[in-house]
N, C-alpha and C. Protein backbone atom coordinates (compact mmCIF):
# COMPACT_ATOMS: atom_id res chain seq x y z
N MET A 1 88.91 107.28 98.54
CA MET A 1 89.94 106.21 98.22
C MET A 1 89.35 105.88 99.86
N ARG A 2 89.64 104.51 100.40
CA ARG A 2 89.24 104.17 101.69
C ARG A 2 90.31 103.93 101.74
N ARG A 3 90.27 103.54 102.90
CA ARG A 3 91.84 103.53 103.85
C ARG A 3 92.50 102.42 103.69
N ASP A 4 91.42 101.10 103.55
CA ASP A 4 92.23 100.04 103.01
C ASP A 4 92.75 99.53 101.69
N GLN A 5 92.35 100.62 100.90
CA GLN A 5 92.83 100.50 99.64
C GLN A 5 94.04 100.64 99.38
N ILE A 6 94.72 101.94 100.11
CA ILE A 6 95.90 102.26 100.04
C ILE A 6 96.93 101.61 99.94
N SER A 7 96.83 100.10 100.51
CA SER A 7 97.75 99.03 100.69
C SER A 7 98.03 98.60 99.23
N TYR A 8 96.96 98.66 98.33
CA TYR A 8 97.61 98.34 96.91
C TYR A 8 98.06 99.03 96.37
N PHE A 9 99.02 100.06 96.65
CA PHE A 9 99.78 100.74 96.23
C PHE A 9 101.42 100.22 96.78
N ILE A 10 101.30 99.21 97.43
CA ILE A 10 102.88 98.50 98.00
C ILE A 10 103.21 97.47 96.72
N TYR A 11 102.32 97.22 96.04
CA TYR A 11 102.52 96.16 94.62
C TYR A 11 103.35 96.73 94.00
N PRO A 12 103.32 97.73 93.28
CA PRO A 12 104.11 98.57 92.34
C PRO A 12 105.51 98.80 93.05
N CYS A 13 105.51 99.27 94.62
CA CYS A 13 106.81 99.20 95.01
C CYS A 13 107.88 98.33 95.11
N ALA A 14 106.69 97.08 95.42
CA ALA A 14 107.77 95.71 95.59
C ALA A 14 108.35 95.27 94.09
N TYR A 15 107.51 95.47 93.37
CA TYR A 15 107.92 95.18 91.96
C TYR A 15 109.14 96.19 91.63
N PHE A 16 108.85 97.15 92.04
CA PHE A 16 110.22 98.07 91.84
C PHE A 16 111.47 97.29 92.39
N ILE A 17 111.20 97.04 93.38
CA ILE A 17 112.17 96.50 94.34
C ILE A 17 112.75 95.41 93.56
N VAL A 18 111.91 94.38 93.38
CA VAL A 18 112.00 93.19 92.78
C VAL A 18 113.19 93.22 91.62
N ARG A 19 112.70 94.05 90.67
CA ARG A 19 113.19 94.22 89.40
C ARG A 19 114.40 94.64 89.47
N THR A 20 114.71 95.61 90.47
CA THR A 20 115.81 96.21 90.40
C THR A 20 117.02 95.52 91.02
N ILE A 21 116.62 94.78 92.20
CA ILE A 21 117.60 93.95 92.79
C ILE A 21 117.64 92.52 91.78
N ASN A 22 116.77 92.18 90.92
CA ASN A 22 117.06 91.21 89.98
C ASN A 22 117.75 91.65 88.67
N GLN A 23 118.15 92.76 88.91
CA GLN A 23 118.82 93.36 87.80
C GLN A 23 120.55 93.46 88.10
N TRP A 24 120.26 93.60 89.54
CA TRP A 24 121.66 93.91 89.88
C TRP A 24 122.41 92.40 90.44
N ARG A 25 121.48 91.75 90.79
CA ARG A 25 121.72 89.98 90.81
C ARG A 25 122.57 89.29 89.38
N LYS A 26 121.68 89.83 88.40
CA LYS A 26 122.47 89.16 87.42
C LYS A 26 123.49 90.45 86.57
N GLN A 27 123.31 90.73 87.03
CA GLN A 27 124.89 92.06 86.81
C GLN A 27 124.70 92.83 85.49
N GLU A 28 123.42 92.76 85.03
CA GLU A 28 123.10 93.81 84.25
C GLU A 28 122.90 95.39 84.62
N SER A 29 123.04 96.16 83.66
CA SER A 29 123.03 97.73 83.88
C SER A 29 121.36 97.75 84.75
N ILE A 30 121.44 98.28 85.34
CA ILE A 30 120.11 99.02 86.23
C ILE A 30 119.71 99.92 85.75
N THR A 31 118.18 99.40 84.96
CA THR A 31 117.71 100.77 84.46
C THR A 31 116.52 101.34 85.07
N TRP A 32 117.29 102.53 85.69
CA TRP A 32 116.50 103.25 86.84
C TRP A 32 115.33 103.67 85.99
N GLY A 33 115.25 104.95 84.87
CA GLY A 33 114.04 105.48 84.24
C GLY A 33 112.97 104.45 84.16
N GLU A 34 113.59 103.48 83.26
CA GLU A 34 112.34 102.27 83.02
C GLU A 34 111.42 101.73 84.36
N ASN A 35 112.32 101.52 85.44
CA ASN A 35 111.77 100.63 86.56
C ASN A 35 110.97 102.00 87.37
N VAL A 36 111.35 102.75 87.36
CA VAL A 36 110.64 104.20 87.83
C VAL A 36 109.29 104.19 87.22
N MET A 37 109.60 104.06 85.82
CA MET A 37 108.67 104.63 85.22
C MET A 37 107.40 103.52 85.07
N THR A 38 108.17 102.44 84.82
CA THR A 38 107.17 101.13 85.05
C THR A 38 105.91 101.21 86.33
N MET A 39 106.83 101.60 87.77
CA MET A 39 105.96 101.51 88.83
C MET A 39 105.14 103.07 89.00
N ILE A 40 105.65 104.12 88.07
CA ILE A 40 104.59 105.25 88.27
C ILE A 40 103.75 104.73 87.59
N GLY A 41 103.60 104.33 86.25
CA GLY A 41 102.71 103.95 85.65
C GLY A 41 101.55 102.74 86.25
N LEU A 42 102.22 101.76 87.12
CA LEU A 42 101.04 100.71 87.44
C LEU A 42 100.70 101.64 89.18
N MET A 43 101.12 102.36 89.58
CA MET A 43 100.30 103.35 90.71
C MET A 43 99.23 103.89 90.18
N PHE A 44 99.30 104.56 88.59
CA PHE A 44 98.40 105.52 88.01
C PHE A 44 97.57 104.65 87.42
N PHE A 45 97.67 103.17 86.67
CA PHE A 45 96.53 102.28 86.53
C PHE A 45 95.84 101.75 88.13
N ILE A 46 96.21 101.69 88.87
CA ILE A 46 95.76 101.49 90.22
C ILE A 46 95.01 102.05 90.83
N TYR A 47 95.53 103.56 90.93
CA TYR A 47 94.40 104.73 91.34
C TYR A 47 93.42 104.64 90.47
N LEU A 48 93.33 104.27 88.70
CA LEU A 48 92.39 104.84 88.36
C LEU A 48 90.99 103.44 88.71
N LEU A 49 91.66 102.33 88.61
CA LEU A 49 90.82 101.13 89.09
C LEU A 49 90.06 101.63 90.42
N ILE A 50 90.61 101.89 91.27
CA ILE A 50 90.19 102.20 92.74
C ILE A 50 89.37 103.41 92.55
N LEU A 51 89.51 104.58 91.62
CA LEU A 51 88.68 105.73 91.39
C LEU A 51 87.41 105.23 90.85
N MET A 52 87.47 104.08 89.54
CA MET A 52 86.39 103.44 88.82
C MET A 52 85.56 102.71 90.02
N TRP A 53 86.32 101.67 90.38
CA TRP A 53 85.52 100.81 91.39
C TRP A 53 84.48 101.84 92.52
N ASN A 54 85.35 102.61 93.39
CA ASN A 54 84.40 103.39 94.62
C ASN A 54 83.22 104.62 93.82
N TRP A 55 83.31 104.86 92.15
CA TRP A 55 82.42 105.16 91.76
C TRP A 55 81.08 104.45 91.35
N SER A 56 81.29 103.39 90.86
CA SER A 56 80.55 102.41 90.55
C SER A 56 79.80 101.58 91.46
N ASN A 57 80.48 101.65 92.84
CA ASN A 57 79.70 101.11 94.08
C ASN A 57 78.45 102.60 94.82
N LYS A 58 78.89 103.56 94.01
CA LYS A 58 78.15 104.68 94.39
C LYS A 58 76.78 104.59 93.72
N PRO A 59 75.43 104.61 94.75
CA PRO A 59 74.38 104.39 93.84
C PRO A 59 73.61 105.70 93.13
N TYR A 60 73.14 105.53 91.79
CA TYR A 60 73.13 106.89 91.09
C TYR A 60 71.02 107.25 91.59
N GLN A 61 70.57 108.48 91.56
CA GLN A 61 69.72 108.95 91.88
C GLN A 61 68.88 108.92 90.40
N TRP A 62 67.77 107.98 90.20
CA TRP A 62 67.13 108.20 88.75
C TRP A 62 65.86 109.18 88.58
N GLY A 63 65.54 109.35 89.53
CA GLY A 63 64.39 110.50 89.65
C GLY A 63 65.14 111.80 89.35
N LYS A 64 63.78 112.32 88.94
CA LYS A 64 64.24 113.86 88.47
C LYS A 64 64.57 114.94 89.43
N LYS A 65 65.37 115.57 89.40
CA LYS A 65 66.02 116.44 91.05
C LYS A 65 65.46 118.05 90.45
N ASP A 66 64.87 118.26 91.67
CA ASP A 66 63.89 119.41 92.13
C ASP A 66 65.06 120.56 91.15
N LYS A 67 64.29 121.24 90.20
CA LYS A 67 64.99 122.63 89.23
C LYS A 67 64.24 123.83 90.11
N GLU A 68 65.10 124.19 90.19
CA GLU A 68 64.11 126.13 91.23
C GLU A 68 64.75 126.66 90.13
N THR A 69 63.53 127.69 89.13
CA THR A 69 64.64 128.43 88.03
C THR A 69 63.28 129.79 88.83
């Protein structure tokens, strides 16, 4: 993972904070478990997207590799 891609993980944290503040502002019960699991799920999804993006940018060697037997 490249250094500039780490900043993508700020968005789930910001979503968690905004969602929690919005629940508090509306004087609803704050669903900590749901908010945290949503943040973790989004981080995992973003991690997989970044992993697949970096993997797709790596060129594949189509030639046969030297096999020593």
